[in-house]
Amino acid sequence: MAQEIERKFLVRGDFMPDAGQSRRIVQGYLCADAERTVRIRICDEDGYLTIKSASNARGWSRYEFEQEIPLADAEEILRLCLPGIIDKVRYWAKVGNHTWEVDVFHGDNEGLIVAEIELLSEDETFELPTWAGEEVTGDVRYYNAMLSKHPYCQWGNAAGKP
């Protein structure tokens, strides 16, 4: 099994000086419940099918299976997804010995910017960028599957919108 270990932070500063490559990502969910997600993703001209398990108790680790699929298939399957398509641009930012993925959301999640770092183990150390804000690892509101159901534009201040 492929294990994904990541930490997630809100972005509170200008990450662009550290950013390099970027790709537009559009994704939808065929299944998005507490135990698993099945996602279709289009990254520029590439299609992917991804299956993820629920996260561990800390919210840091979970099983992930990802397979590249033909773009035409991804476009067709995207039409079958649950309501709430995620639209974002992902930037890769090199900080210390790690590359961070910074997602700038659009559409119903406009205004939300989240950075993730993938680690080899839960106890791996890393340099926190100056632009990283509050850690939201394990906060299900910031999972893309949840953002597809309850987008950022609907949160309001009472719901804990930063």
N, C-alpha and C. Protein backbone atom coordinates (compact mmCIF):
# COMPACT_ATOMS: atom_id res chain seq x y z
N MET A 1 0.84 -1.19 0.00
CA MET A 1 0.00 0.00 0.00
C MET A 1 0.88 1.24 0.00
N ALA A 2 0.45 2.25 -0.75
CA ALA A 2 1.15 3.53 -0.76
C ALA A 2 0.61 4.40 0.36
N GLN A 3 1.49 4.83 1.23
CA GLN A 3 1.10 5.65 2.37
C GLN A 3 1.46 7.11 2.08
N GLU A 4 0.49 8.00 2.22
CA GLU A 4 0.70 9.42 2.05
C GLU A 4 0.82 10.03 3.44
N ILE A 5 1.91 10.75 3.68
CA ILE A 5 2.12 11.45 4.95
C ILE A 5 2.29 12.92 4.61
N GLU A 6 1.39 13.75 5.10
CA GLU A 6 1.48 15.17 4.77
C GLU A 6 1.00 16.03 5.93
N ARG A 7 1.48 17.25 5.91
CA ARG A 7 1.03 18.29 6.85
C ARG A 7 0.50 19.44 6.00
N LYS A 8 -0.48 20.14 6.52
CA LYS A 8 -1.19 21.17 5.76
C LYS A 8 -1.26 22.46 6.58
N PHE A 9 -1.00 23.59 5.92
CA PHE A 9 -0.98 24.90 6.57
C PHE A 9 -1.71 25.92 5.70
N LEU A 10 -2.36 26.88 6.34
CA LEU A 10 -2.89 28.02 5.61
C LEU A 10 -1.72 28.90 5.20
N VAL A 11 -1.88 29.60 4.09
CA VAL A 11 -0.83 30.50 3.61
C VAL A 11 -1.21 31.91 4.02
N ARG A 12 -0.30 32.58 4.72
CA ARG A 12 -0.54 33.91 5.28
C ARG A 12 0.44 34.96 4.80
N GLY A 13 1.21 34.65 3.78
CA GLY A 13 2.18 35.60 3.27
C GLY A 13 2.41 35.34 1.79
N ASP A 14 3.37 36.04 1.23
CA ASP A 14 3.67 35.94 -0.19
C ASP A 14 4.60 34.75 -0.46
N PHE A 15 4.03 33.69 -1.00
CA PHE A 15 4.82 32.49 -1.30
C PHE A 15 5.45 32.55 -2.69
N MET A 16 5.04 33.50 -3.51
CA MET A 16 5.46 33.52 -4.91
C MET A 16 6.99 33.60 -5.10
N PRO A 17 7.75 34.29 -4.24
CA PRO A 17 9.20 34.27 -4.45
C PRO A 17 9.81 32.86 -4.36
N ASP A 18 9.15 31.95 -3.66
CA ASP A 18 9.63 30.57 -3.55
C ASP A 18 9.02 29.66 -4.61
N ALA A 19 8.01 30.14 -5.32
CA ALA A 19 7.25 29.30 -6.25
C ALA A 19 7.99 29.12 -7.57
N GLY A 20 7.81 27.94 -8.12
CA GLY A 20 8.37 27.62 -9.43
C GLY A 20 7.25 27.25 -10.37
N GLN A 21 7.24 26.00 -10.79
CA GLN A 21 6.25 25.47 -11.71
C GLN A 21 4.85 25.55 -11.12
N SER A 22 3.85 25.66 -12.01
CA SER A 22 2.46 25.62 -11.57
C SER A 22 1.64 24.85 -12.60
N ARG A 23 0.50 24.31 -12.12
CA ARG A 23 -0.44 23.60 -12.99
C ARG A 23 -1.86 23.88 -12.52
N ARG A 24 -2.77 24.03 -13.47
CA ARG A 24 -4.19 24.15 -13.13
C ARG A 24 -4.74 22.76 -12.87
N ILE A 25 -5.53 22.64 -11.82
CA ILE A 25 -6.13 21.37 -11.44
C ILE A 25 -7.64 21.55 -11.32
N VAL A 26 -8.38 20.67 -11.97
CA VAL A 26 -9.83 20.59 -11.83
C VAL A 26 -10.12 19.17 -11.38
N GLN A 27 -10.88 19.05 -10.30
CA GLN A 27 -11.15 17.70 -9.79
C GLN A 27 -12.55 17.59 -9.23
N GLY A 28 -13.06 16.36 -9.30
CA GLY A 28 -14.37 16.05 -8.75
C GLY A 28 -14.31 14.72 -8.04
N TYR A 29 -15.38 14.40 -7.32
CA TYR A 29 -15.42 13.21 -6.48
C TYR A 29 -16.58 12.31 -6.88
N LEU A 30 -16.26 11.03 -7.10
CA LEU A 30 -17.28 10.01 -7.33
C LEU A 30 -17.81 9.51 -6.00
N CYS A 31 -16.95 9.54 -4.99
CA CYS A 31 -17.30 9.12 -3.63
C CYS A 31 -16.51 10.00 -2.67
N ALA A 32 -17.19 10.53 -1.68
CA ALA A 32 -16.51 11.38 -0.70
C ALA A 32 -17.22 11.22 0.63
N ASP A 33 -16.82 10.18 1.37
CA ASP A 33 -17.40 9.98 2.68
C ASP A 33 -16.28 9.87 3.72
N ALA A 34 -16.63 9.59 4.94
CA ALA A 34 -15.65 9.61 6.04
C ALA A 34 -14.59 8.51 5.91
N GLU A 35 -14.89 7.44 5.20
CA GLU A 35 -13.97 6.31 5.12
C GLU A 35 -13.10 6.30 3.88
N ARG A 36 -13.56 6.99 2.79
CA ARG A 36 -12.81 6.93 1.54
C ARG A 36 -13.23 8.05 0.61
N THR A 37 -12.32 8.39 -0.31
CA THR A 37 -12.66 9.28 -1.41
C THR A 37 -12.18 8.65 -2.70
N VAL A 38 -12.96 8.85 -3.75
CA VAL A 38 -12.57 8.44 -5.09
C VAL A 38 -12.66 9.71 -5.94
N ARG A 39 -11.51 10.11 -6.46
CA ARG A 39 -11.40 11.41 -7.11
C ARG A 39 -10.95 11.25 -8.55
N ILE A 40 -11.48 12.13 -9.41
CA ILE A 40 -11.00 12.29 -10.77
C ILE A 40 -10.36 13.66 -10.84
N ARG A 41 -9.15 13.71 -11.38
CA ARG A 41 -8.41 14.97 -11.43
C ARG A 41 -7.87 15.17 -12.84
N ILE A 42 -7.97 16.40 -13.30
CA ILE A 42 -7.33 16.80 -14.55
C ILE A 42 -6.32 17.88 -14.20
N CYS A 43 -5.06 17.60 -14.50
CA CYS A 43 -3.96 18.54 -14.30
C CYS A 43 -3.47 18.95 -15.68
N ASP A 44 -3.80 20.16 -16.08
CA ASP A 44 -3.51 20.62 -17.43
C ASP A 44 -4.07 19.61 -18.43
N GLU A 45 -3.25 18.81 -19.05
CA GLU A 45 -3.71 17.85 -20.07
C GLU A 45 -3.59 16.39 -19.61
N ASP A 46 -3.43 16.15 -18.31
CA ASP A 46 -3.27 14.81 -17.79
C ASP A 46 -4.45 14.45 -16.89
N GLY A 47 -4.91 13.19 -16.98
CA GLY A 47 -6.01 12.72 -16.15
C GLY A 47 -5.53 11.72 -15.12
N TYR A 48 -6.17 11.72 -13.94
CA TYR A 48 -5.80 10.81 -12.85
C TYR A 48 -7.04 10.32 -12.12
N LEU A 49 -6.98 9.07 -11.70
CA LEU A 49 -7.96 8.48 -10.80
C LEU A 49 -7.24 8.24 -9.48
N THR A 50 -7.80 8.73 -8.38
CA THR A 50 -7.16 8.59 -7.08
C THR A 50 -8.17 8.06 -6.07
N ILE A 51 -7.72 7.11 -5.26
CA ILE A 51 -8.52 6.56 -4.17
C ILE A 51 -7.74 6.79 -2.88
N LYS A 52 -8.40 7.37 -1.88
CA LYS A 52 -7.76 7.62 -0.59
C LYS A 52 -8.61 7.05 0.52
N SER A 53 -7.95 6.53 1.54
CA SER A 53 -8.65 6.06 2.73
C SER A 53 -8.86 7.23 3.69
N ALA A 54 -9.53 6.95 4.78
CA ALA A 54 -9.63 7.94 5.86
C ALA A 54 -8.24 8.16 6.44
N SER A 55 -8.01 9.33 7.00
CA SER A 55 -6.73 9.65 7.65
C SER A 55 -6.63 8.95 9.00
N ASN A 56 -5.39 8.82 9.48
CA ASN A 56 -5.19 8.27 10.82
C ASN A 56 -5.68 9.30 11.86
N ALA A 57 -5.58 8.96 13.13
CA ALA A 57 -6.13 9.81 14.21
C ALA A 57 -5.55 11.21 14.20
N ARG A 58 -4.28 11.36 13.87
CA ARG A 58 -3.65 12.69 13.83
C ARG A 58 -3.98 13.46 12.56
N GLY A 59 -4.49 12.77 11.56
CA GLY A 59 -4.81 13.42 10.29
C GLY A 59 -3.61 13.55 9.38
N TRP A 60 -2.52 12.86 9.68
CA TRP A 60 -1.28 13.03 8.93
C TRP A 60 -1.08 11.99 7.85
N SER A 61 -1.59 10.78 8.04
CA SER A 61 -1.28 9.66 7.15
C SER A 61 -2.54 8.98 6.66
N ARG A 62 -2.48 8.50 5.42
CA ARG A 62 -3.57 7.70 4.88
C ARG A 62 -3.09 6.97 3.63
N TYR A 63 -3.81 5.91 3.29
CA TYR A 63 -3.52 5.15 2.09
C TYR A 63 -3.93 5.98 0.88
N GLU A 64 -3.10 5.92 -0.17
CA GLU A 64 -3.43 6.61 -1.41
C GLU A 64 -3.02 5.75 -2.60
N PHE A 65 -3.94 5.59 -3.54
CA PHE A 65 -3.68 4.92 -4.81
C PHE A 65 -3.98 5.94 -5.89
N GLU A 66 -3.02 6.14 -6.82
CA GLU A 66 -3.26 7.07 -7.92
C GLU A 66 -2.80 6.43 -9.22
N GLN A 67 -3.63 6.57 -10.24
CA GLN A 67 -3.33 5.99 -11.55
C GLN A 67 -3.61 7.02 -12.63
N GLU A 68 -2.65 7.23 -13.52
CA GLU A 68 -2.90 8.12 -14.65
C GLU A 68 -3.87 7.44 -15.60
N ILE A 69 -4.83 8.22 -16.12
CA ILE A 69 -5.81 7.70 -17.07
C ILE A 69 -5.85 8.66 -18.26
N PRO A 70 -6.35 8.21 -19.40
CA PRO A 70 -6.43 9.10 -20.55
C PRO A 70 -7.28 10.34 -20.25
N LEU A 71 -6.86 11.47 -20.79
CA LEU A 71 -7.56 12.74 -20.56
C LEU A 71 -9.04 12.63 -20.95
N ALA A 72 -9.33 12.02 -22.09
CA ALA A 72 -10.72 11.90 -22.54
C ALA A 72 -11.56 11.12 -21.53
N ASP A 73 -10.99 10.09 -20.93
CA ASP A 73 -11.70 9.33 -19.89
C ASP A 73 -11.93 10.20 -18.66
N ALA A 74 -10.92 10.94 -18.26
CA ALA A 74 -11.05 11.82 -17.08
C ALA A 74 -12.13 12.86 -17.31
N GLU A 75 -12.19 13.42 -18.51
CA GLU A 75 -13.22 14.42 -18.81
C GLU A 75 -14.62 13.81 -18.75
N GLU A 76 -14.77 12.59 -19.27
CA GLU A 76 -16.07 11.91 -19.22
C GLU A 76 -16.47 11.57 -17.79
N ILE A 77 -15.54 11.03 -17.02
CA ILE A 77 -15.84 10.63 -15.64
C ILE A 77 -16.13 11.86 -14.78
N LEU A 78 -15.46 12.98 -15.05
CA LEU A 78 -15.70 14.21 -14.30
C LEU A 78 -17.16 14.62 -14.38
N ARG A 79 -17.82 14.32 -15.49
CA ARG A 79 -19.24 14.65 -15.66
C ARG A 79 -20.14 13.80 -14.74
N LEU A 80 -19.62 12.67 -14.26
CA LEU A 80 -20.38 11.78 -13.38
C LEU A 80 -20.21 12.11 -11.90
N CYS A 81 -19.32 13.04 -11.60
CA CYS A 81 -18.96 13.34 -10.21
C CYS A 81 -20.10 14.02 -9.45
N LEU A 82 -19.99 13.92 -8.15
CA LEU A 82 -20.91 14.62 -7.26
C LEU A 82 -20.82 16.12 -7.51
N PRO A 83 -21.85 16.88 -7.16
CA PRO A 83 -21.78 18.34 -7.32
C PRO A 83 -20.61 18.92 -6.51
N GLY A 84 -20.02 19.99 -7.02
CA GLY A 84 -18.96 20.67 -6.30
C GLY A 84 -17.58 20.37 -6.85
N ILE A 85 -17.29 20.91 -8.01
CA ILE A 85 -15.98 20.69 -8.65
C ILE A 85 -14.96 21.65 -8.02
N ILE A 86 -13.79 21.12 -7.75
CA ILE A 86 -12.67 21.92 -7.21
C ILE A 86 -11.86 22.46 -8.38
N ASP A 87 -11.56 23.75 -8.34
CA ASP A 87 -10.74 24.41 -9.36
C ASP A 87 -9.65 25.17 -8.63
N LYS A 88 -8.39 24.87 -8.96
CA LYS A 88 -7.28 25.51 -8.26
C LYS A 88 -6.04 25.51 -9.15
N VAL A 89 -5.09 26.35 -8.77
CA VAL A 89 -3.77 26.32 -9.39
C VAL A 89 -2.80 25.89 -8.32
N ARG A 90 -2.01 24.87 -8.64
CA ARG A 90 -1.01 24.36 -7.70
C ARG A 90 0.37 24.88 -8.11
N TYR A 91 1.05 25.45 -7.12
CA TYR A 91 2.43 25.92 -7.29
C TYR A 91 3.34 25.01 -6.47
N TRP A 92 4.54 24.79 -6.95
CA TRP A 92 5.54 24.06 -6.19
C TRP A 92 6.57 25.05 -5.70
N ALA A 93 6.81 25.06 -4.39
CA ALA A 93 7.70 26.03 -3.75
C ALA A 93 8.79 25.28 -2.99
N LYS A 94 10.03 25.51 -3.34
CA LYS A 94 11.16 24.86 -2.67
C LYS A 94 11.53 25.68 -1.43
N VAL A 95 11.50 25.01 -0.28
CA VAL A 95 11.88 25.64 0.99
C VAL A 95 12.74 24.64 1.74
N GLY A 96 13.99 24.98 2.00
CA GLY A 96 14.89 24.05 2.66
C GLY A 96 15.08 22.82 1.79
N ASN A 97 14.95 21.64 2.39
CA ASN A 97 15.13 20.38 1.67
C ASN A 97 13.83 19.80 1.12
N HIS A 98 12.75 20.55 1.20
CA HIS A 98 11.45 20.04 0.78
C HIS A 98 10.81 20.93 -0.28
N THR A 99 9.92 20.33 -1.02
CA THR A 99 9.10 21.08 -1.98
C THR A 99 7.67 21.09 -1.46
N TRP A 100 7.14 22.26 -1.27
CA TRP A 100 5.78 22.45 -0.80
C TRP A 100 4.85 22.56 -2.00
N GLU A 101 3.62 22.08 -1.85
CA GLU A 101 2.57 22.26 -2.84
C GLU A 101 1.63 23.33 -2.30
N VAL A 102 1.50 24.42 -3.03
CA VAL A 102 0.64 25.53 -2.60
C VAL A 102 -0.54 25.62 -3.55
N ASP A 103 -1.74 25.42 -3.02
CA ASP A 103 -2.96 25.45 -3.81
C ASP A 103 -3.68 26.77 -3.63
N VAL A 104 -3.86 27.48 -4.74
CA VAL A 104 -4.63 28.72 -4.77
C VAL A 104 -5.97 28.37 -5.40
N PHE A 105 -7.02 28.41 -4.58
CA PHE A 105 -8.34 27.97 -5.02
C PHE A 105 -9.08 29.07 -5.77
N HIS A 106 -9.95 28.63 -6.68
CA HIS A 106 -10.79 29.53 -7.47
C HIS A 106 -12.24 29.09 -7.34
N GLY A 107 -13.12 29.78 -8.03
CA GLY A 107 -14.54 29.44 -7.99
C GLY A 107 -15.11 29.63 -6.60
N ASP A 108 -15.86 28.66 -6.11
CA ASP A 108 -16.51 28.76 -4.81
C ASP A 108 -15.54 28.74 -3.64
N ASN A 109 -14.28 28.41 -3.89
CA ASN A 109 -13.27 28.39 -2.83
C ASN A 109 -12.26 29.53 -2.98
N GLU A 110 -12.64 30.53 -3.77
CA GLU A 110 -11.78 31.70 -4.00
C GLU A 110 -11.40 32.34 -2.66
N GLY A 111 -10.13 32.72 -2.55
CA GLY A 111 -9.64 33.35 -1.33
C GLY A 111 -8.91 32.39 -0.40
N LEU A 112 -9.06 31.10 -0.63
CA LEU A 112 -8.39 30.10 0.19
C LEU A 112 -7.07 29.70 -0.47
N ILE A 113 -6.00 29.72 0.31
CA ILE A 113 -4.69 29.28 -0.14
C ILE A 113 -4.13 28.35 0.93
N VAL A 114 -3.83 27.12 0.52
CA VAL A 114 -3.37 26.08 1.44
C VAL A 114 -2.06 25.50 0.93
N ALA A 115 -1.11 25.28 1.83
CA ALA A 115 0.18 24.66 1.49
C ALA A 115 0.29 23.32 2.17
N GLU A 116 0.80 22.34 1.43
CA GLU A 116 1.01 20.99 1.96
C GLU A 116 2.46 20.59 1.76
N ILE A 117 2.95 19.81 2.69
CA ILE A 117 4.28 19.23 2.55
C ILE A 117 4.13 17.73 2.75
N GLU A 118 4.68 16.95 1.82
CA GLU A 118 4.66 15.49 1.95
C GLU A 118 5.96 15.06 2.61
N LEU A 119 5.83 14.15 3.56
CA LEU A 119 6.97 13.69 4.35
C LEU A 119 7.18 12.20 4.18
N LEU A 120 8.38 11.75 4.51
CA LEU A 120 8.69 10.32 4.45
C LEU A 120 8.25 9.59 5.71
N SER A 121 8.15 10.32 6.83
CA SER A 121 7.68 9.75 8.09
C SER A 121 7.01 10.85 8.89
N GLU A 122 6.19 10.46 9.85
CA GLU A 122 5.48 11.46 10.66
C GLU A 122 6.42 12.26 11.55
N ASP A 123 7.59 11.74 11.85
CA ASP A 123 8.52 12.47 12.71
C ASP A 123 9.62 13.19 11.93
N GLU A 124 9.50 13.25 10.62
CA GLU A 124 10.48 13.97 9.81
C GLU A 124 10.42 15.47 10.10
N THR A 125 11.57 16.09 10.25
CA THR A 125 11.61 17.53 10.48
C THR A 125 11.62 18.27 9.15
N PHE A 126 11.15 19.51 9.18
CA PHE A 126 11.12 20.33 7.97
C PHE A 126 11.17 21.79 8.37
N GLU A 127 11.58 22.61 7.42
CA GLU A 127 11.64 24.05 7.63
C GLU A 127 10.27 24.65 7.29
N LEU A 128 9.71 25.38 8.24
CA LEU A 128 8.42 26.04 8.02
C LEU A 128 8.66 27.36 7.29
N PRO A 129 8.05 27.55 6.13
CA PRO A 129 8.25 28.80 5.39
C PRO A 129 7.69 30.01 6.15
N THR A 130 8.23 31.18 5.88
CA THR A 130 7.76 32.40 6.53
C THR A 130 6.31 32.71 6.17
N TRP A 131 5.86 32.22 5.03
CA TRP A 131 4.50 32.49 4.58
C TRP A 131 3.48 31.47 5.09
N ALA A 132 3.93 30.47 5.83
CA ALA A 132 3.01 29.48 6.37
C ALA A 132 2.34 30.02 7.62
N GLY A 133 1.03 29.87 7.67
CA GLY A 133 0.26 30.31 8.83
C GLY A 133 -0.17 29.14 9.68
N GLU A 134 -1.39 29.18 10.12
CA GLU A 134 -1.95 28.16 11.02
C GLU A 134 -1.91 26.77 10.40
N GLU A 135 -1.52 25.79 11.19
CA GLU A 135 -1.56 24.41 10.71
C GLU A 135 -3.00 23.91 10.77
N VAL A 136 -3.44 23.30 9.67
CA VAL A 136 -4.80 22.78 9.59
C VAL A 136 -4.80 21.28 9.25
N THR A 137 -3.67 20.62 9.47
CA THR A 137 -3.58 19.18 9.27
C THR A 137 -4.67 18.50 10.09
N GLY A 138 -5.43 17.61 9.47
CA GLY A 138 -6.47 16.88 10.18
C GLY A 138 -7.78 17.63 10.32
N ASP A 139 -7.82 18.92 9.97
CA ASP A 139 -9.07 19.69 10.02
C ASP A 139 -9.83 19.37 8.74
N VAL A 140 -10.87 18.57 8.84
CA VAL A 140 -11.57 18.07 7.66
C VAL A 140 -12.16 19.17 6.79
N ARG A 141 -12.39 20.35 7.34
CA ARG A 141 -12.93 21.45 6.53
C ARG A 141 -12.01 21.78 5.36
N TYR A 142 -10.72 21.52 5.51
CA TYR A 142 -9.73 21.88 4.49
C TYR A 142 -9.41 20.72 3.55
N TYR A 143 -10.05 19.58 3.72
CA TYR A 143 -9.88 18.49 2.75
C TYR A 143 -10.60 18.91 1.47
N ASN A 144 -10.00 18.66 0.33
CA ASN A 144 -10.62 19.03 -0.92
C ASN A 144 -12.00 18.40 -1.09
N ALA A 145 -12.16 17.16 -0.64
CA ALA A 145 -13.47 16.50 -0.74
C ALA A 145 -14.52 17.28 0.05
N MET A 146 -14.14 17.80 1.20
CA MET A 146 -15.08 18.58 2.01
C MET A 146 -15.33 19.94 1.36
N LEU A 147 -14.29 20.55 0.80
CA LEU A 147 -14.45 21.84 0.12
C LEU A 147 -15.38 21.72 -1.09
N SER A 148 -15.46 20.53 -1.68
CA SER A 148 -16.39 20.34 -2.80
C SER A 148 -17.84 20.35 -2.32
N LYS A 149 -18.07 19.90 -1.08
CA LYS A 149 -19.42 19.86 -0.51
C LYS A 149 -19.78 21.15 0.22
N HIS A 150 -18.80 21.70 0.93
CA HIS A 150 -19.00 22.90 1.74
C HIS A 150 -17.90 23.91 1.38
N PRO A 151 -18.09 24.62 0.26
CA PRO A 151 -17.03 25.51 -0.23
C PRO A 151 -16.76 26.69 0.71
N TYR A 152 -15.59 27.18 0.59
CA TYR A 152 -15.07 28.28 1.42
C TYR A 152 -15.99 29.50 1.38
N CYS A 153 -16.61 29.78 0.25
CA CYS A 153 -17.48 30.97 0.13
C CYS A 153 -18.70 30.89 1.04
N GLN A 154 -19.04 29.69 1.53
CA GLN A 154 -20.21 29.50 2.38
C GLN A 154 -19.87 29.48 3.86
N TRP A 155 -18.59 29.53 4.20
CA TRP A 155 -18.22 29.37 5.60
C TRP A 155 -18.71 30.49 6.50
N GLY A 156 -18.47 31.72 6.12
CA GLY A 156 -18.81 32.84 6.98
C GLY A 156 -17.92 32.86 8.22
N ASN A 157 -17.87 33.96 8.92
CA ASN A 157 -17.00 34.09 10.09
C ASN A 157 -17.41 33.17 11.23
N ALA A 158 -18.71 32.87 11.36
CA ALA A 158 -19.15 32.01 12.46
C ALA A 158 -18.65 30.58 12.30
N ALA A 159 -18.36 30.18 11.05
CA ALA A 159 -17.90 28.82 10.79
C ALA A 159 -16.40 28.67 10.92
N GLY A 160 -15.73 29.70 11.39
CA GLY A 160 -14.28 29.61 11.60
C GLY A 160 -13.47 29.99 10.38
N LYS A 161 -14.06 30.74 9.46
CA LYS A 161 -13.32 31.17 8.27
C LYS A 161 -12.20 32.10 8.70
N PRO A 162 -10.97 31.76 8.28
CA PRO A 162 -9.84 32.61 8.68
C PRO A 162 -9.90 33.99 8.07
